[in-house]
Amino acid sequence: MVLAGPPTLPSEAENAHAPILPRRAVELSAGWYLGERDPKTSGAAPAYAGSHVGLPPAYIATVQGDAIRDEGIRYAQLLRAAGVPVEHRNHTDLVHAFCTLAPHVPTAARALDDSLTTLKNGLA
């Protein structure tokens, strides 16, 4: 989880001034959400769970233009390492909150459709 201090993941620096969710907004949101709690022990950052074994299959969508992209990629890797089936897609031409753009941006609509199709198939 992105917190105050120097960037620790490449996407934090690459997208520090991203149009939808700049790094500073992530820092503020984390502070408002967590208060004084540590993200590593509060359950707010699932990547820090003691174990990922036995979790259900997951679909993780990340976007290139997002300060938290690398956190999603890392989580997908952790799940795979624990034997959890994971489908991960990184959308290179989208930004954070792309689902809200789906009515107006064809690539966002396709990405949302991919996500919903994968969910539907997973629940079948």
C-alpha atoms as a PDB file:
ATOM      1  CA  MET A   1       0.000   0.000   0.000  1.00  0.00           C
ATOM      2  CA  VAL A   2       1.421   3.368  -0.996  1.00  0.00           C
ATOM      3  CA  LEU A   3       2.209   5.443   2.047  1.00  0.00           C
ATOM      4  CA  ALA A   4       4.070   8.651   2.763  1.00  0.00           C
ATOM      5  CA  GLY A   5       7.752   8.518   1.987  1.00  0.00           C
ATOM      6  CA  PRO A   6       9.767   7.725  -1.081  1.00  0.00           C
ATOM      7  CA  PRO A   7       8.247   5.424  -3.703  1.00  0.00           C
ATOM      8  CA  THR A   8       9.080   1.766  -3.207  1.00  0.00           C
ATOM      9  CA  LEU A   9       7.554   0.386  -6.415  1.00  0.00           C
ATOM     10  CA  PRO A  10       8.219   1.596  -9.974  1.00  0.00           C
ATOM     11  CA  SER A  11       4.541   2.396 -10.670  1.00  0.00           C
ATOM     12  CA  GLU A  12       4.465   4.790  -7.704  1.00  0.00           C
ATOM     13  CA  ALA A  13       7.150   6.949  -9.283  1.00  0.00           C
ATOM     14  CA  GLU A  14       6.029   6.453 -12.903  1.00  0.00           C
ATOM     15  CA  ASN A  15       2.477   7.512 -12.089  1.00  0.00           C
ATOM     16  CA  ALA A  16       3.114  10.001  -9.315  1.00  0.00           C
ATOM     17  CA  HIS A  17       1.076  12.558 -11.270  1.00  0.00           C
ATOM     18  CA  ALA A  18      -1.413  10.231 -12.951  1.00  0.00           C
ATOM     19  CA  PRO A  19      -4.604  11.985 -14.099  1.00  0.00           C
ATOM     20  CA  ILE A  20      -7.157  10.004 -12.053  1.00  0.00           C
ATOM     21  CA  LEU A  21      -5.272   8.737  -9.009  1.00  0.00           C
ATOM     22  CA  PRO A  22      -1.956  10.485  -8.436  1.00  0.00           C
ATOM     23  CA  ARG A  23       0.334   9.091  -5.762  1.00  0.00           C
ATOM     24  CA  ARG A  24      -0.575  11.871  -3.317  1.00  0.00           C
ATOM     25  CA  ALA A  25      -4.262  10.901  -3.537  1.00  0.00           C
ATOM     26  CA  VAL A  26      -3.339   7.304  -2.716  1.00  0.00           C
ATOM     27  CA  GLU A  27      -1.354   8.495   0.300  1.00  0.00           C
ATOM     28  CA  LEU A  28      -4.225  10.654   1.538  1.00  0.00           C
ATOM     29  CA  SER A  29      -6.798   7.904   0.994  1.00  0.00           C
ATOM     30  CA  ALA A  30      -4.662   5.378   2.848  1.00  0.00           C
ATOM     31  CA  GLY A  31      -4.281   7.822   5.735  1.00  0.00           C
ATOM     32  CA  TRP A  32      -8.002   8.522   5.929  1.00  0.00           C
ATOM     33  CA  TYR A  33      -8.866   4.835   5.704  1.00  0.00           C
ATOM     34  CA  LEU A  34      -6.233   3.477   8.062  1.00  0.00           C
ATOM     35  CA  GLY A  35      -5.717   6.293  10.517  1.00  0.00           C
ATOM     36  CA  GLU A  36      -2.905   5.118  12.777  1.00  0.00           C
ATOM     37  CA  ARG A  37      -3.271   1.427  11.853  1.00  0.00           C
ATOM     38  CA  ASP A  38      -0.426  -0.350  10.095  1.00  0.00           C
ATOM     39  CA  PRO A  39      -1.498  -1.607   6.638  1.00  0.00           C
ATOM     40  CA  LYS A  40       0.703  -4.659   7.102  1.00  0.00           C
ATOM     41  CA  THR A  41      -1.134  -5.858  10.223  1.00  0.00           C
ATOM     42  CA  SER A  42      -4.628  -4.332   9.900  1.00  0.00           C
ATOM     43  CA  GLY A  43      -5.872  -6.544   7.062  1.00  0.00           C
ATOM     44  CA  ALA A  44      -6.117  -3.566   4.723  1.00  0.00           C
ATOM     45  CA  ALA A  45      -3.365  -4.854   2.423  1.00  0.00           C
ATOM     46  CA  PRO A  46      -4.043  -8.491   1.511  1.00  0.00           C
ATOM     47  CA  ALA A  47      -0.535  -8.941   0.122  1.00  0.00           C
ATOM     48  CA  TYR A  48       0.699  -8.955   3.731  1.00  0.00           C
ATOM     49  CA  ALA A  49      -1.533 -11.814   4.884  1.00  0.00           C
ATOM     50  CA  GLY A  50       0.309 -14.619   6.618  1.00  0.00           C
ATOM     51  CA  SER A  51      -0.795 -17.071   3.951  1.00  0.00           C
ATOM     52  CA  HIS A  52      -2.618 -16.996   0.644  1.00  0.00           C
ATOM     53  CA  VAL A  53      -3.032 -20.769   0.423  1.00  0.00           C
ATOM     54  CA  GLY A  54      -6.605 -21.907  -0.140  1.00  0.00           C
ATOM     55  CA  LEU A  55      -7.953 -18.598  -1.382  1.00  0.00           C
ATOM     56  CA  PRO A  56     -10.479 -18.789  -4.222  1.00  0.00           C
ATOM     57  CA  PRO A  57      -9.459 -18.150  -7.823  1.00  0.00           C
ATOM     58  CA  ALA A  58      -8.848 -14.491  -8.562  1.00  0.00           C
ATOM     59  CA  TYR A  59      -9.057 -12.062 -11.429  1.00  0.00           C
ATOM     60  CA  ILE A  60      -6.842  -9.018 -11.050  1.00  0.00           C
ATOM     61  CA  ALA A  61      -6.996  -6.115 -13.479  1.00  0.00           C
ATOM     62  CA  THR A  62      -4.280  -3.505 -13.335  1.00  0.00           C
ATOM     63  CA  VAL A  63      -3.699  -0.496 -15.531  1.00  0.00           C
ATOM     64  CA  GLN A  64      -0.416   0.941 -16.721  1.00  0.00           C
ATOM     65  CA  GLY A  65      -1.288   4.501 -15.703  1.00  0.00           C
ATOM     66  CA  ASP A  66      -1.846   3.792 -12.005  1.00  0.00           C
ATOM     67  CA  ALA A  67       0.360   4.397  -8.981  1.00  0.00           C
ATOM     68  CA  ILE A  68      -0.895   1.145  -7.418  1.00  0.00           C
ATOM     69  CA  ARG A  69      -0.372  -1.014 -10.537  1.00  0.00           C
ATOM     70  CA  ASP A  70       2.653  -2.837  -9.153  1.00  0.00           C
ATOM     71  CA  GLU A  71       0.799  -3.702  -5.946  1.00  0.00           C
ATOM     72  CA  GLY A  72      -1.786  -5.565  -8.034  1.00  0.00           C
ATOM     73  CA  ILE A  73       0.932  -7.337 -10.005  1.00  0.00           C
ATOM     74  CA  ARG A  74       2.696  -8.308  -6.774  1.00  0.00           C
ATOM     75  CA  TYR A  75      -0.526  -9.660  -5.300  1.00  0.00           C
ATOM     76  CA  ALA A  76      -1.152 -11.788  -8.390  1.00  0.00           C
ATOM     77  CA  GLN A  77       2.364 -13.199  -8.051  1.00  0.00           C
ATOM     78  CA  LEU A  78       1.833 -13.978  -4.347  1.00  0.00           C
ATOM     79  CA  LEU A  79      -1.423 -15.774  -5.093  1.00  0.00           C
ATOM     80  CA  ARG A  80       0.171 -17.840  -7.870  1.00  0.00           C
ATOM     81  CA  ALA A  81       3.055 -18.764  -5.563  1.00  0.00           C
ATOM     82  CA  ALA A  82       0.466 -20.027  -3.057  1.00  0.00           C
ATOM     83  CA  GLY A  83      -1.155 -22.201  -5.733  1.00  0.00           C
ATOM     84  CA  VAL A  84      -4.184 -19.965  -6.230  1.00  0.00           C
ATOM     85  CA  PRO A  85      -5.470 -19.822  -9.822  1.00  0.00           C
ATOM     86  CA  VAL A  86      -5.064 -16.215 -10.968  1.00  0.00           C
ATOM     87  CA  GLU A  87      -5.908 -14.430 -14.158  1.00  0.00           C
ATOM     88  CA  HIS A  88      -4.132 -11.080 -14.332  1.00  0.00           C
ATOM     89  CA  ARG A  89      -4.512  -8.492 -17.059  1.00  0.00           C
ATOM     90  CA  ASN A  90      -2.591  -5.258 -17.226  1.00  0.00           C
ATOM     91  CA  HIS A  91      -4.342  -2.772 -19.479  1.00  0.00           C
ATOM     92  CA  THR A  92      -1.620  -0.627 -21.007  1.00  0.00           C
ATOM     93  CA  ASP A  93      -3.908   2.081 -22.340  1.00  0.00           C
ATOM     94  CA  LEU A  94      -6.121   2.791 -19.328  1.00  0.00           C
ATOM     95  CA  VAL A  95      -6.026   4.661 -16.024  1.00  0.00           C
ATOM     96  CA  HIS A  96      -7.339   3.999 -12.532  1.00  0.00           C
ATOM     97  CA  ALA A  97     -11.156   3.774 -12.294  1.00  0.00           C
ATOM     98  CA  PHE A  98     -11.421   2.774 -15.957  1.00  0.00           C
ATOM     99  CA  CYS A  99     -14.788   1.113 -15.263  1.00  0.00           C
ATOM    100  CA  THR A 100     -16.365   4.540 -14.844  1.00  0.00           C
ATOM    101  CA  LEU A 101     -15.113   5.450 -18.312  1.00  0.00           C
ATOM    102  CA  ALA A 102     -16.697   2.405 -19.990  1.00  0.00           C
ATOM    103  CA  PRO A 103     -19.768   4.270 -21.320  1.00  0.00           C
ATOM    104  CA  HIS A 104     -17.491   6.668 -23.192  1.00  0.00           C
ATOM    105  CA  VAL A 105     -14.180   4.910 -23.896  1.00  0.00           C
ATOM    106  CA  PRO A 106     -14.256   1.744 -26.035  1.00  0.00           C
ATOM    107  CA  THR A 107     -11.058   0.267 -24.552  1.00  0.00           C
ATOM    108  CA  ALA A 108     -12.450   0.773 -21.047  1.00  0.00           C
ATOM    109  CA  ALA A 109     -15.706  -0.910 -22.097  1.00  0.00           C
ATOM    110  CA  ARG A 110     -13.758  -3.913 -23.420  1.00  0.00           C
ATOM    111  CA  ALA A 111     -11.690  -4.135 -20.227  1.00  0.00           C
ATOM    112  CA  LEU A 112     -14.832  -3.988 -18.088  1.00  0.00           C
ATOM    113  CA  ASP A 113     -16.469  -6.622 -20.260  1.00  0.00           C
ATOM    114  CA  ASP A 114     -13.393  -8.863 -19.874  1.00  0.00           C
ATOM    115  CA  SER A 115     -13.610  -8.469 -16.098  1.00  0.00           C
ATOM    116  CA  LEU A 116     -17.327  -9.250 -15.974  1.00  0.00           C
ATOM    117  CA  THR A 117     -17.005 -12.205 -18.352  1.00  0.00           C
ATOM    118  CA  THR A 118     -14.248 -13.682 -16.205  1.00  0.00           C
ATOM    119  CA  LEU A 119     -16.379 -13.212 -13.078  1.00  0.00           C
ATOM    120  CA  LYS A 120     -19.392 -14.784 -14.760  1.00  0.00           C
ATOM    121  CA  ASN A 121     -17.331 -17.764 -15.909  1.00  0.00           C
ATOM    122  CA  GLY A 122     -15.817 -18.146 -12.459  1.00  0.00           C
ATOM    123  CA  LEU A 123     -19.237 -18.274 -10.843  1.00  0.00           C
ATOM    124  CA  ALA A 124     -20.665 -20.757 -13.355  1.00  0.00           C
END
